[in-house]
């Protein structure tokens, strides 16, 4: 039986893990905690009203999740053109930021605060493809980053400074400094829709589902040729049983810098050696992912159709120690793979499933606390249940 969830109400005493949930030590090893994570708090937003006598519109889908550097706030980006902030310590919804005029996608915190308020960078889905820098203190835009001519497919923040990468369907990757509106550089790459920084911030990777490859660049010399090229096509053909050129949605380095995760919307994620590009293992999930668009994919149906799909920033992530990969899946449970487990024929099934009834379309692990968050139509906080030890 899963631990009962508290529906959209503050945790007792205003502290994460207080009251009926024992305090969670921030220094506990992930290895000791991973099997006892349970969904502990759920935030369900009401669909917006459409006027007297009309049916309420459908519940918004969560497109992305991001924790602040200190782990005290969670940011969601949602299909109703809103961003929602949640206070992790209080276990409460904190604030709504609307972007009805410009739309919103790929929202992420920056490293800096302005006037005691958190700052957010997000892409636009309406009017143009400008990237916007928002202060949540007064809901004003600090800066605009212009240049992309088609949909932005990925934003990735440098781990230690306010440089960030943006990928777009205009076949460019742009390098920005949040302190200035002008791009620091631009790479012309066919179908390069995903990017990620290594934990040192000295290297970034760019993934192209079109070219079926991942390129590695030296940040200090990004205008030069990539120093590494990983061809994923052989792995996808041999191990996954197809080219799988569509459905990519996540690129992430482990915090120890040893592994590179390529997440998809399908029945497999790829775990690669971050130095050689060799396939370490295929992470199999029999039920596949929640129905979402991969980067560069588009709907062929009306937005009101039940077959209309929203994008996501990926439903798989590493744990902070780099040992485990956790992932969502359809209908129920969160899947856990142990990267130290030997895989027969390089195919690895989950070592455990954490109980949960519902879809998981996006996921993020808190950088400071033993907790993670999942989402699809609603946000769920997961913390270890120490009673299960």
Protein backbone atom coordinates (compact mmCIF):
# COMPACT_ATOMS: atom_id res chain seq x y z
CA UNK A 1 0.00 0.00 0.00
CA UNK A 2 1.25 3.47 -0.87
CA UNK A 3 1.34 6.16 1.81
CA UNK A 4 -1.91 8.18 1.66
CA UNK A 5 -1.50 11.55 0.01
CA UNK A 6 -2.57 14.86 1.53
CA UNK A 7 -4.59 16.77 -1.06
CA UNK A 8 -3.39 20.38 -1.49
CA UNK A 9 -3.00 21.25 2.19
CA UNK A 10 0.06 22.46 4.11
CA UNK A 11 2.16 19.93 5.94
CA UNK A 12 1.76 20.27 9.72
CA UNK A 13 4.03 22.85 11.42
CA UNK A 14 5.01 24.25 8.02
CA UNK A 15 8.02 21.98 7.61
CA UNK A 16 8.79 19.37 5.00
CA UNK A 17 8.46 16.04 6.72
CA UNK A 18 6.84 17.46 9.86
CA UNK A 19 3.75 16.14 11.62
CA UNK A 20 2.83 12.63 10.51
CA UNK A 21 5.88 12.37 8.25
CA UNK A 22 9.21 12.07 10.10
CA UNK A 23 11.82 14.76 9.30
CA UNK A 24 13.99 13.73 6.38
CA UNK A 25 17.74 14.19 6.94
CA UNK A 26 19.21 16.06 3.99
CA UNK A 27 22.46 14.12 4.31
CA UNK A 28 20.95 10.66 4.10
CA UNK A 29 22.34 8.52 1.29
CA UNK A 30 20.09 8.12 -1.73
CA UNK A 31 20.91 4.39 -1.66
CA UNK A 32 19.30 4.13 1.79
CA UNK A 33 16.26 6.17 0.79
CA UNK A 34 15.46 5.16 -2.79
CA UNK A 35 13.20 2.19 -2.01
CA UNK A 36 11.07 4.07 0.53
CA UNK A 37 10.14 7.17 -1.48
CA UNK A 38 6.37 7.56 -1.46
CA UNK A 39 3.96 10.12 -2.93
CA UNK A 40 3.27 12.30 0.09
CA UNK A 41 1.54 15.42 -1.20
CA UNK A 42 -0.55 16.16 -4.28
CA UNK A 43 -1.49 19.56 -5.70
CA UNK A 44 -4.53 19.45 -7.96
CA UNK A 45 -5.47 22.72 -9.68
CA UNK A 46 -9.08 23.35 -10.63
CA UNK A 47 -9.74 23.82 -14.37
CA UNK A 48 -10.25 27.53 -15.17
CA UNK A 49 -13.84 28.69 -15.45
CA UNK A 50 -15.10 29.55 -18.94
CA UNK A 51 -18.09 31.62 -17.84
CA UNK A 52 -21.62 31.14 -16.46
CA UNK A 53 -23.43 28.13 -17.84
CA UNK A 54 -20.41 26.80 -19.73
CA UNK A 55 -18.48 23.63 -19.15
CA UNK A 56 -15.14 24.17 -17.41
CA UNK A 57 -12.13 23.87 -19.67
CA UNK A 58 -9.90 20.82 -19.34
CA UNK A 59 -7.26 20.61 -16.65
CA UNK A 60 -3.89 21.99 -17.73
CA UNK A 61 -0.98 19.66 -18.52
CA UNK A 62 2.34 20.24 -16.79
CA UNK A 63 5.08 20.78 -19.38
CA UNK A 64 8.16 21.15 -17.17
CA UNK A 65 9.42 21.04 -13.57
CA UNK A 66 12.43 22.83 -12.08
CA UNK A 67 13.75 23.27 -8.54
CA UNK A 68 15.54 26.40 -7.34
CA UNK A 69 19.23 26.12 -6.47
CA UNK A 70 18.50 25.89 -2.75
CA UNK A 71 15.74 23.35 -3.31
CA UNK A 72 13.18 25.49 -1.50
CA UNK A 73 10.89 26.20 -4.47
CA UNK A 74 9.50 24.16 -7.32
CA UNK A 75 8.50 25.78 -10.62
CA UNK A 76 6.03 24.31 -13.08
CA UNK A 77 5.25 25.45 -16.59
CA UNK A 78 1.72 24.56 -17.73
CA UNK A 79 -0.35 24.37 -20.89
CA UNK A 80 -2.73 27.13 -19.74
CA UNK A 81 0.08 29.70 -20.20
CA UNK A 82 0.85 29.82 -16.48
CA UNK A 83 3.82 29.15 -14.25
CA UNK A 84 3.15 27.86 -10.74
CA UNK A 85 5.54 28.18 -7.79
CA UNK A 86 5.40 25.79 -4.82
CA UNK A 87 7.07 26.29 -1.45
CA UNK A 88 8.84 23.02 -0.65
CA UNK A 89 9.32 23.71 3.08
CA UNK A 90 5.73 24.73 3.72
CA UNK A 91 4.28 22.21 1.30
CA UNK A 92 2.08 24.91 -0.20
CA UNK A 93 1.29 26.56 -3.49
CA UNK A 94 3.21 29.85 -3.39
CA UNK A 95 2.39 31.94 -6.45
CA UNK A 96 0.99 31.98 -9.98
CA UNK A 97 2.77 33.82 -12.80
CA UNK A 98 0.75 34.27 -15.99
CA UNK A 99 2.02 34.69 -19.53
CA UNK A 100 -1.26 34.76 -21.45
CA UNK A 101 0.06 37.15 -24.07
CA UNK A 102 3.27 35.32 -24.94
CA UNK A 103 2.60 31.77 -23.82
CA UNK A 104 5.19 29.85 -21.84
CA UNK A 105 7.36 26.77 -22.15
CA UNK A 106 10.65 25.38 -20.77
CA UNK A 107 10.50 27.56 -17.66
CA UNK A 108 13.56 27.36 -15.39
CA UNK A 109 14.99 29.26 -12.44
CA UNK A 110 18.15 31.30 -12.84
CA UNK A 111 20.92 31.34 -10.24
CA UNK A 112 20.17 34.95 -9.28
CA UNK A 113 17.40 36.64 -7.33
CA UNK A 114 16.14 40.19 -7.85
CA UNK A 115 14.70 42.24 -4.96
CA UNK A 116 14.32 39.07 -2.88
CA UNK A 117 12.31 37.43 -5.65
CA UNK A 118 13.19 34.42 -7.75
CA UNK A 119 13.96 34.95 -11.43
CA UNK A 120 12.78 32.72 -14.27
CA UNK A 121 13.77 32.27 -17.90
CA UNK A 122 11.18 30.81 -20.26
CA UNK A 123 10.47 30.48 -23.96
CA UNK A 124 7.39 31.83 -25.74
CA UNK A 125 4.68 29.94 -27.61
CA UNK A 126 2.70 32.91 -28.96
CA UNK A 127 3.44 35.99 -31.12
CA UNK A 128 7.14 35.19 -31.54
CA UNK A 129 9.92 32.91 -30.35
CA UNK A 130 11.57 35.31 -27.92
CA UNK A 131 13.06 33.96 -24.70
CA UNK A 132 12.01 36.02 -21.67
CA UNK A 133 13.66 36.78 -18.32
CA UNK A 134 11.07 37.31 -15.56
CA UNK A 135 11.34 38.63 -12.01
CA UNK A 136 8.72 36.94 -9.82
CA UNK A 137 9.04 39.73 -7.24
CA UNK A 138 6.94 42.15 -9.30
CA UNK A 139 6.07 39.99 -12.33
CA UNK A 140 8.05 42.21 -14.70
CA UNK A 141 10.35 41.17 -17.52
CA UNK A 142 13.98 42.07 -16.98
CA UNK A 143 15.24 41.22 -20.45
CA UNK A 144 14.30 39.66 -23.78
CA UNK A 145 16.52 37.30 -25.77
CA UNK A 146 15.61 37.60 -29.43
CA UNK A 147 16.90 35.73 -32.45
CA UNK A 148 15.19 32.36 -32.81
CA UNK A 149 12.89 32.18 -35.82
CA UNK A 150 11.02 28.96 -34.95
CA UNK A 151 9.90 27.04 -31.84
CA UNK A 152 12.40 26.80 -29.00
CA UNK A 153 12.76 23.13 -28.08
CA UNK A 154 15.10 23.26 -25.09
CA UNK A 155 16.63 25.64 -22.54
CA UNK A 156 19.56 24.53 -20.40
CA UNK A 157 21.18 26.61 -17.64
CA UNK A 158 24.91 26.48 -16.88
CA UNK A 159 25.44 24.76 -13.50
CA UNK A 160 27.45 27.60 -11.97
CA UNK A 161 26.72 30.84 -13.80
CA UNK A 162 23.91 32.51 -15.70
CA UNK A 163 24.90 31.37 -19.16
CA UNK A 164 22.31 29.21 -20.86
CA UNK A 165 21.76 27.31 -24.08
CA UNK A 166 18.69 27.43 -26.29
CA UNK A 167 17.81 24.99 -29.06
CA UNK A 168 15.26 25.66 -31.77
CA UNK A 169 13.54 24.20 -34.80
CA UNK A 170 15.34 26.91 -36.81
CA UNK A 171 18.35 24.53 -36.63
CA UNK A 172 20.39 26.77 -34.34
CA UNK A 173 21.78 26.41 -30.86
CA UNK A 174 22.43 29.76 -29.20
CA UNK A 175 24.65 30.52 -26.23
CA UNK A 176 23.49 33.35 -23.98
CA UNK A 177 24.60 35.32 -20.95
CA UNK A 178 21.53 36.32 -18.93
CA UNK A 179 23.18 39.66 -18.21
CA UNK A 180 22.92 40.86 -21.81
CA UNK A 181 20.28 40.59 -24.51
CA UNK A 182 22.73 39.62 -27.25
CA UNK A 183 23.72 36.02 -27.86
CA UNK A 184 27.32 35.09 -27.11
CA UNK A 185 27.37 32.61 -29.96
CA UNK A 186 25.38 30.54 -32.41
CA UNK A 187 25.83 27.04 -33.78
CA UNK A 188 24.16 25.97 -37.02
CA UNK A 189 23.17 22.33 -36.50
CA UNK A 190 20.50 20.31 -38.28
CA UNK A 191 17.78 19.13 -35.92
CA UNK A 192 19.73 19.93 -32.75
CA UNK A 193 16.76 20.05 -30.40
CA UNK A 194 18.25 19.10 -27.01
CA UNK A 195 21.20 20.37 -24.97
CA UNK A 196 22.76 19.71 -21.55
CA UNK A 197 25.76 20.87 -19.51
CA UNK A 198 28.16 18.52 -17.81
CA UNK A 199 28.45 19.10 -14.03
CA UNK A 200 31.70 21.08 -14.40
CA UNK A 201 30.14 23.56 -16.81
CA UNK A 202 33.15 23.21 -19.11
CA UNK A 203 31.40 20.94 -21.62
CA UNK A 204 27.96 20.93 -23.15
CA UNK A 205 26.24 18.30 -25.26
CA UNK A 206 23.79 18.82 -28.12
CA UNK A 207 21.50 16.02 -29.33
CA UNK A 208 19.93 15.79 -32.78
CA UNK A 209 17.17 13.20 -33.28
CA UNK A 210 17.33 14.07 -36.99
CA UNK A 211 21.02 13.17 -37.27
CA UNK A 212 20.74 10.45 -34.60
CA UNK A 213 23.81 11.84 -32.88
CA UNK A 214 25.09 13.71 -29.82
CA UNK A 215 27.85 16.31 -30.14
CA UNK A 216 30.17 17.44 -27.33
CA UNK A 217 31.55 20.99 -27.23
CA UNK A 218 34.17 22.76 -25.14
CA UNK A 219 32.31 25.76 -23.71
CA UNK A 220 35.43 27.95 -23.90
CA UNK A 221 35.88 27.07 -27.58
CA UNK A 222 32.34 26.42 -28.74
CA UNK A 223 33.03 28.08 -32.09
CA UNK A 224 35.35 25.18 -32.97
CA UNK A 225 34.33 21.74 -34.16
CA UNK A 226 32.87 19.41 -31.50
CA UNK A 227 35.55 17.35 -29.79
CA UNK A 228 33.25 14.35 -29.58
CA UNK A 229 30.48 12.84 -31.71
CA UNK A 230 28.33 9.96 -30.44
CA UNK A 231 26.36 8.07 -33.08
CA UNK A 232 23.24 6.62 -31.47
CA UNK A 233 21.79 5.00 -34.59
CA UNK A 234 23.49 1.57 -34.14
CA UNK A 235 22.25 1.34 -30.56
CA UNK A 236 18.71 2.29 -31.47
CA UNK A 237 18.59 -0.17 -34.38
CA UNK A 238 20.14 -3.11 -32.56
CA UNK A 239 18.93 -2.67 -29.01
CA UNK A 240 15.64 -0.81 -29.29
CA UNK A 241 14.47 -2.38 -32.54
CA UNK A 242 14.08 0.74 -34.64
CA UNK A 243 15.54 4.14 -35.44
CA UNK A 244 13.39 5.89 -32.82
CA UNK A 245 14.23 9.20 -34.52
CA UNK A 246 11.16 10.74 -32.92
CA UNK A 247 10.27 10.84 -29.28
CA UNK A 248 13.53 12.16 -27.81
CA UNK A 249 12.74 14.50 -24.92
CA UNK A 250 15.62 14.62 -22.44
CA UNK A 251 19.41 14.93 -22.39
CA UNK A 252 21.15 14.94 -19.01
CA UNK A 253 24.59 14.31 -17.52
CA UNK A 254 24.87 12.51 -14.19
CA UNK A 255 26.30 14.62 -11.36
CA UNK A 256 29.45 12.48 -11.29
CA UNK A 257 29.97 13.24 -15.00
CA UNK A 258 30.26 9.57 -15.93
CA UNK A 259 26.96 8.98 -17.72
CA UNK A 260 24.72 10.67 -20.24
CA UNK A 261 20.99 9.96 -20.26
CA UNK A 262 18.98 10.18 -23.47
CA UNK A 263 15.30 10.08 -22.56
CA UNK A 264 12.47 9.25 -24.94
CA UNK A 265 8.68 9.04 -24.94
CA UNK A 266 8.83 5.35 -25.91
CA UNK A 267 9.65 2.09 -24.14
CA UNK A 268 13.36 2.75 -23.66
CA UNK A 269 15.84 5.34 -22.43
CA UNK A 270 19.53 5.13 -23.35
CA UNK A 271 22.36 5.31 -20.80
CA UNK A 272 25.65 6.23 -22.47
CA UNK A 273 29.24 6.52 -21.28
CA UNK A 274 29.80 10.29 -21.15
CA UNK A 275 33.44 9.98 -22.22
CA UNK A 276 33.33 7.42 -25.03
CA UNK A 277 29.69 7.53 -26.08
CA UNK A 278 29.49 3.73 -25.74
CA UNK A 279 26.13 2.30 -24.82
CA UNK A 280 26.09 1.27 -21.16
CA UNK A 281 22.55 -0.04 -21.12
CA UNK A 282 19.05 0.35 -22.52
CA UNK A 283 16.62 1.16 -19.74
CA UNK A 284 13.43 -0.71 -20.63
CA UNK A 285 9.90 0.18 -19.50
CA UNK A 286 7.19 -2.08 -20.80
CA UNK A 287 4.31 0.39 -20.52
CA UNK A 288 6.18 3.18 -22.29
CA UNK A 289 5.83 6.86 -21.52
CA UNK A 290 2.83 9.09 -21.08
CA UNK A 291 1.53 10.32 -24.44
CA UNK A 292 3.57 13.47 -25.06
CA UNK A 293 5.32 15.03 -28.05
CA UNK A 294 9.03 14.49 -28.51
CA UNK A 295 11.19 17.48 -29.41
CA UNK A 296 10.56 18.61 -32.98
CA UNK A 297 7.28 16.67 -33.21
CA UNK A 298 3.98 18.38 -33.97
CA UNK A 299 0.27 17.67 -33.64
CA UNK A 300 -1.82 16.93 -36.70
CA UNK A 301 -5.11 17.36 -34.84
CA UNK A 302 -7.15 20.23 -33.42
CA UNK A 303 -6.18 21.38 -29.89
CA UNK A 304 -9.67 20.43 -28.69
CA UNK A 305 -9.18 16.82 -29.81
CA UNK A 306 -8.50 14.12 -27.23
CA UNK A 307 -5.56 13.08 -29.42
CA UNK A 308 -3.85 16.47 -29.05
CA UNK A 309 -0.50 15.99 -27.32
CA UNK A 310 1.59 18.41 -25.30
CA UNK A 311 5.39 18.45 -25.14
CA UNK A 312 7.41 17.80 -21.99
CA UNK A 313 10.96 18.32 -20.80
CA UNK A 314 11.28 14.60 -20.10
CA UNK A 315 10.03 12.06 -17.57
CA UNK A 316 13.41 10.58 -16.57
CA UNK A 317 16.26 11.93 -14.45
CA UNK A 318 19.31 10.87 -12.47
CA UNK A 319 19.31 10.85 -8.69
CA UNK A 320 21.83 13.36 -7.27
CA UNK A 321 24.42 10.65 -6.55
CA UNK A 322 24.33 9.57 -10.22
CA UNK A 323 23.69 5.94 -9.33
CA UNK A 324 19.99 5.65 -10.14
CA UNK A 325 17.75 6.72 -12.98
CA UNK A 326 14.10 7.27 -12.11
CA UNK A 327 11.37 7.59 -14.70
CA UNK A 328 7.67 7.98 -15.09
CA UNK A 329 5.49 5.67 -17.09
CA UNK A 330 1.87 5.24 -18.10
CA UNK A 331 -0.95 4.62 -15.65
CA UNK A 332 1.01 3.86 -12.49
CA UNK A 333 4.24 3.84 -10.52
CA UNK A 334 7.66 5.44 -10.83
CA UNK A 335 10.42 3.20 -12.19
CA UNK A 336 13.94 2.93 -10.73
CA UNK A 337 17.05 1.58 -12.50
CA UNK A 338 20.37 0.99 -10.74
CA UNK A 339 23.25 1.90 -13.09
CA UNK A 340 25.57 -0.44 -11.15
CA UNK A 341 23.41 -3.45 -11.99
CA UNK A 342 24.86 -5.71 -14.67
CA UNK A 343 22.61 -5.86 -17.73
CA UNK A 344 22.26 -8.98 -19.84
CA UNK A 345 22.70 -8.03 -23.51
CA UNK A 346 22.73 -4.40 -22.28
CA UNK A 347 18.98 -4.49 -21.63
CA UNK A 348 18.01 -3.48 -18.10
CA UNK A 349 14.59 -3.53 -16.50
CA UNK A 350 13.73 -1.50 -13.41
CA UNK A 351 15.08 -2.83 -10.12
CA UNK A 352 11.95 -1.53 -8.37
CA UNK A 353 8.71 0.35 -8.91
CA UNK A 354 7.55 2.99 -6.45
CA UNK A 355 3.79 2.79 -5.90
CA UNK A 356 1.62 5.49 -7.44
CA UNK A 357 -1.69 5.44 -9.29
CA UNK A 358 -1.56 7.85 -12.21
CA UNK A 359 0.49 9.07 -15.16
CA UNK A 360 3.89 10.74 -14.79
CA UNK A 361 4.80 12.98 -17.70
CA UNK A 362 7.55 15.14 -16.14
CA UNK A 363 9.97 14.68 -13.27
CA UNK A 364 12.67 16.56 -11.31
CA UNK A 365 14.87 15.66 -8.33
CA UNK A 366 15.48 18.26 -5.63
CA UNK A 367 19.18 19.32 -5.61
CA UNK A 368 19.30 19.85 -1.82
CA UNK A 369 16.74 17.58 -0.17
CA UNK A 370 15.81 13.93 -0.30
CA UNK A 371 12.69 14.53 -2.36
CA UNK A 372 11.58 14.63 -5.97
CA UNK A 373 8.52 15.87 -7.80
CA UNK A 374 6.46 14.38 -10.60
CA UNK A 375 3.66 15.78 -12.68
CA UNK A 376 1.17 15.26 -15.45
CA UNK A 377 -2.09 17.06 -14.66
CA UNK A 378 -1.09 17.66 -11.05
CA UNK A 379 2.11 18.02 -9.03
CA UNK A 380 3.16 15.27 -6.61
CA UNK A 381 5.86 15.61 -3.92
CA UNK A 382 7.73 12.41 -3.06
CA UNK A 383 9.68 11.96 0.19
CA UNK A 384 11.03 8.88 2.00
CA UNK A 385 8.68 7.19 4.45
CA UNK A 386 11.04 6.32 7.31
CA UNK A 387 8.43 4.02 8.81
CA UNK A 388 9.27 1.58 6.00
CA UNK A 389 12.92 1.23 7.01
